[in-house]
């Protein structure tokens, strides 16, 4: 397996694990956090940070797939 494919597979596995954690967080942890910190978790900077992380992962996948 080439180095690029190892990186892509590693990030795919990390993405899967992050999805499982996000699902758990959404159903169990987020309701409790929203009761404790309602304004912080609804802040625009939190949503911007999440969007930036997703865009960074998309760029990483594109780089790994398209680079020589």
N, C-alpha and C. Protein backbone atom coordinates (compact mmCIF):
# COMPACT_ATOMS: atom_id res chain seq x y z
N UNK A 1 0.85 -1.17 0.00
CA UNK A 1 0.00 0.00 0.00
C UNK A 1 0.90 1.23 0.00
N UNK A 2 0.60 2.17 -0.88
CA UNK A 2 1.43 3.36 -0.98
C UNK A 2 1.21 4.27 0.23
N UNK A 3 2.14 5.19 0.42
CA UNK A 3 2.06 6.10 1.55
C UNK A 3 0.80 6.96 1.53
N UNK A 4 0.42 7.39 0.33
CA UNK A 4 -0.76 8.23 0.20
C UNK A 4 -2.02 7.47 0.59
N UNK A 5 -2.08 6.21 0.21
CA UNK A 5 -3.24 5.39 0.56
C UNK A 5 -3.30 5.12 2.05
N UNK A 6 -2.13 4.96 2.69
CA UNK A 6 -2.10 4.77 4.14
C UNK A 6 -2.64 6.00 4.86
N UNK A 7 -2.24 7.18 4.39
CA UNK A 7 -2.73 8.42 4.99
C UNK A 7 -4.23 8.53 4.80
N UNK A 8 -4.70 8.25 3.60
CA UNK A 8 -6.13 8.34 3.32
C UNK A 8 -6.91 7.33 4.16
N UNK A 9 -6.42 6.12 4.27
CA UNK A 9 -7.09 5.10 5.08
C UNK A 9 -7.07 5.47 6.56
N UNK A 10 -5.98 6.05 7.02
CA UNK A 10 -5.90 6.48 8.42
C UNK A 10 -6.93 7.55 8.72
N UNK A 11 -7.05 8.54 7.84
CA UNK A 11 -8.03 9.59 8.06
C UNK A 11 -9.45 9.08 7.90
N UNK A 12 -9.66 8.10 7.03
CA UNK A 12 -10.99 7.50 6.91
C UNK A 12 -11.36 6.80 8.22
N UNK A 13 -10.43 6.07 8.80
CA UNK A 13 -10.68 5.41 10.08
C UNK A 13 -10.92 6.44 11.19
N UNK A 14 -10.11 7.48 11.23
CA UNK A 14 -10.31 8.53 12.21
C UNK A 14 -11.66 9.22 12.01
N UNK A 15 -12.06 9.41 10.78
CA UNK A 15 -13.36 10.01 10.49
C UNK A 15 -14.51 9.14 10.96
N UNK A 16 -14.36 7.83 10.80
CA UNK A 16 -15.39 6.90 11.27
C UNK A 16 -15.50 6.97 12.79
N UNK A 17 -14.36 6.94 13.45
CA UNK A 17 -14.36 7.02 14.91
C UNK A 17 -14.95 8.36 15.37
N UNK A 18 -14.60 9.43 14.69
CA UNK A 18 -15.14 10.74 15.03
C UNK A 18 -16.66 10.77 14.84
N UNK A 19 -17.15 10.08 13.81
CA UNK A 19 -18.60 10.01 13.59
C UNK A 19 -19.31 9.28 14.71
N UNK A 20 -18.72 8.19 15.19
CA UNK A 20 -19.30 7.44 16.31
C UNK A 20 -19.32 8.31 17.56
N UNK A 21 -18.22 9.01 17.81
CA UNK A 21 -18.15 9.89 18.97
C UNK A 21 -19.15 11.04 18.83
N UNK A 22 -19.28 11.58 17.62
CA UNK A 22 -20.23 12.68 17.40
C UNK A 22 -21.66 12.21 17.63
N UNK A 23 -21.98 11.00 17.20
CA UNK A 23 -23.33 10.47 17.43
C UNK A 23 -23.59 10.32 18.91
N UNK A 24 -22.64 9.76 19.64
CA UNK A 24 -22.78 9.61 21.09
C UNK A 24 -22.93 10.97 21.75
N UNK A 25 -22.10 11.90 21.33
CA UNK A 25 -22.14 13.25 21.89
C UNK A 25 -23.49 13.90 21.63
N UNK A 26 -23.99 13.75 20.42
CA UNK A 26 -25.25 14.38 20.05
C UNK A 26 -26.41 13.86 20.91
N UNK A 27 -26.43 12.56 21.14
CA UNK A 27 -27.56 11.97 21.85
C UNK A 27 -27.43 12.01 23.37
N UNK A 28 -26.22 11.99 23.89
CA UNK A 28 -26.05 11.89 25.35
C UNK A 28 -25.48 13.15 26.00
N UNK A 29 -24.47 13.71 25.39
CA UNK A 29 -23.73 14.78 26.05
C UNK A 29 -24.28 16.17 25.70
N UNK A 30 -24.63 16.38 24.45
CA UNK A 30 -25.06 17.71 24.01
C UNK A 30 -26.27 18.25 24.77
N UNK A 31 -27.32 17.47 25.01
CA UNK A 31 -28.45 18.03 25.79
C UNK A 31 -28.03 18.53 27.18
N UNK A 32 -27.16 17.79 27.84
CA UNK A 32 -26.70 18.23 29.15
C UNK A 32 -25.85 19.50 29.04
N UNK A 33 -24.98 19.56 28.03
CA UNK A 33 -24.15 20.75 27.86
C UNK A 33 -24.97 21.97 27.50
N UNK A 34 -26.03 21.79 26.71
CA UNK A 34 -26.88 22.92 26.35
C UNK A 34 -27.63 23.47 27.56
N UNK A 35 -27.92 22.63 28.52
CA UNK A 35 -28.56 23.12 29.73
C UNK A 35 -27.56 23.89 30.60
N UNK A 36 -26.31 23.44 30.61
CA UNK A 36 -25.30 24.07 31.45
C UNK A 36 -24.74 25.34 30.78
N UNK A 37 -24.40 25.24 29.50
CA UNK A 37 -23.78 26.36 28.76
C UNK A 37 -24.60 26.71 27.52
N UNK A 38 -25.80 27.22 27.65
CA UNK A 38 -26.65 27.42 26.47
C UNK A 38 -26.10 28.44 25.47
N UNK A 39 -25.51 29.50 25.94
CA UNK A 39 -25.06 30.55 25.01
C UNK A 39 -23.72 30.23 24.35
N UNK A 40 -22.82 29.60 25.08
CA UNK A 40 -21.49 29.32 24.53
C UNK A 40 -21.59 28.35 23.36
N UNK A 41 -22.38 27.28 23.50
CA UNK A 41 -22.45 26.27 22.46
C UNK A 41 -23.27 26.71 21.26
N UNK A 42 -24.02 27.79 21.40
CA UNK A 42 -24.76 28.34 20.27
C UNK A 42 -24.02 29.50 19.62
N UNK A 43 -22.84 29.78 20.09
CA UNK A 43 -22.06 30.92 19.59
C UNK A 43 -21.60 30.66 18.17
N UNK A 44 -21.48 31.73 17.44
CA UNK A 44 -21.08 31.65 16.04
C UNK A 44 -19.67 31.09 15.87
N UNK A 45 -18.76 31.39 16.80
CA UNK A 45 -17.38 30.93 16.67
C UNK A 45 -17.29 29.42 16.80
N UNK A 46 -18.18 28.80 17.56
CA UNK A 46 -18.17 27.34 17.68
C UNK A 46 -18.58 26.72 16.34
N UNK A 47 -19.64 27.26 15.74
CA UNK A 47 -20.09 26.75 14.45
C UNK A 47 -19.03 26.99 13.37
N UNK A 48 -18.37 28.13 13.42
CA UNK A 48 -17.30 28.42 12.46
C UNK A 48 -16.13 27.45 12.64
N UNK A 49 -15.80 27.13 13.87
CA UNK A 49 -14.72 26.17 14.12
C UNK A 49 -15.04 24.79 13.58
N UNK A 50 -16.27 24.36 13.76
CA UNK A 50 -16.69 23.05 13.24
C UNK A 50 -16.65 23.05 11.72
N UNK A 51 -17.14 24.12 11.11
CA UNK A 51 -17.11 24.22 9.65
C UNK A 51 -15.68 24.23 9.13
N UNK A 52 -14.78 24.93 9.82
CA UNK A 52 -13.37 24.96 9.42
C UNK A 52 -12.72 23.59 9.51
N UNK A 53 -13.05 22.83 10.54
CA UNK A 53 -12.50 21.49 10.68
C UNK A 53 -12.97 20.59 9.55
N UNK A 54 -14.24 20.68 9.20
CA UNK A 54 -14.78 19.86 8.10
C UNK A 54 -14.12 20.25 6.78
N UNK A 55 -13.98 21.53 6.52
CA UNK A 55 -13.34 21.97 5.27
C UNK A 55 -11.88 21.53 5.21
N UNK A 56 -11.18 21.57 6.32
CA UNK A 56 -9.80 21.12 6.36
C UNK A 56 -9.69 19.64 6.02
N UNK A 57 -10.59 18.83 6.56
CA UNK A 57 -10.56 17.40 6.24
C UNK A 57 -10.87 17.15 4.77
N UNK A 58 -11.79 17.91 4.20
CA UNK A 58 -12.09 17.77 2.77
C UNK A 58 -10.87 18.12 1.94
N UNK A 59 -10.18 19.20 2.30
CA UNK A 59 -8.97 19.58 1.56
C UNK A 59 -7.88 18.52 1.70
N UNK A 60 -7.75 17.93 2.87
CA UNK A 60 -6.76 16.88 3.08
C UNK A 60 -7.05 15.67 2.21
N UNK A 61 -8.29 15.27 2.13
CA UNK A 61 -8.68 14.13 1.29
C UNK A 61 -8.41 14.45 -0.18
N UNK A 62 -8.76 15.64 -0.61
CA UNK A 62 -8.47 16.01 -1.99
C UNK A 62 -6.97 16.02 -2.27
N UNK A 63 -6.18 16.55 -1.35
CA UNK A 63 -4.72 16.55 -1.53
C UNK A 63 -4.18 15.13 -1.63
N UNK A 64 -4.63 14.26 -0.73
CA UNK A 64 -4.13 12.88 -0.73
C UNK A 64 -4.54 12.15 -2.00
N UNK A 65 -5.71 12.46 -2.51
CA UNK A 65 -6.19 11.76 -3.70
C UNK A 65 -5.58 12.31 -4.98
N UNK A 66 -5.39 13.61 -5.05
CA UNK A 66 -4.95 14.22 -6.31
C UNK A 66 -3.45 14.42 -6.45
N UNK A 67 -2.70 14.44 -5.36
CA UNK A 67 -1.26 14.69 -5.47
C UNK A 67 -0.53 13.46 -5.99
N UNK A 68 0.63 13.70 -6.56
CA UNK A 68 1.42 12.60 -7.13
C UNK A 68 2.36 12.04 -6.11
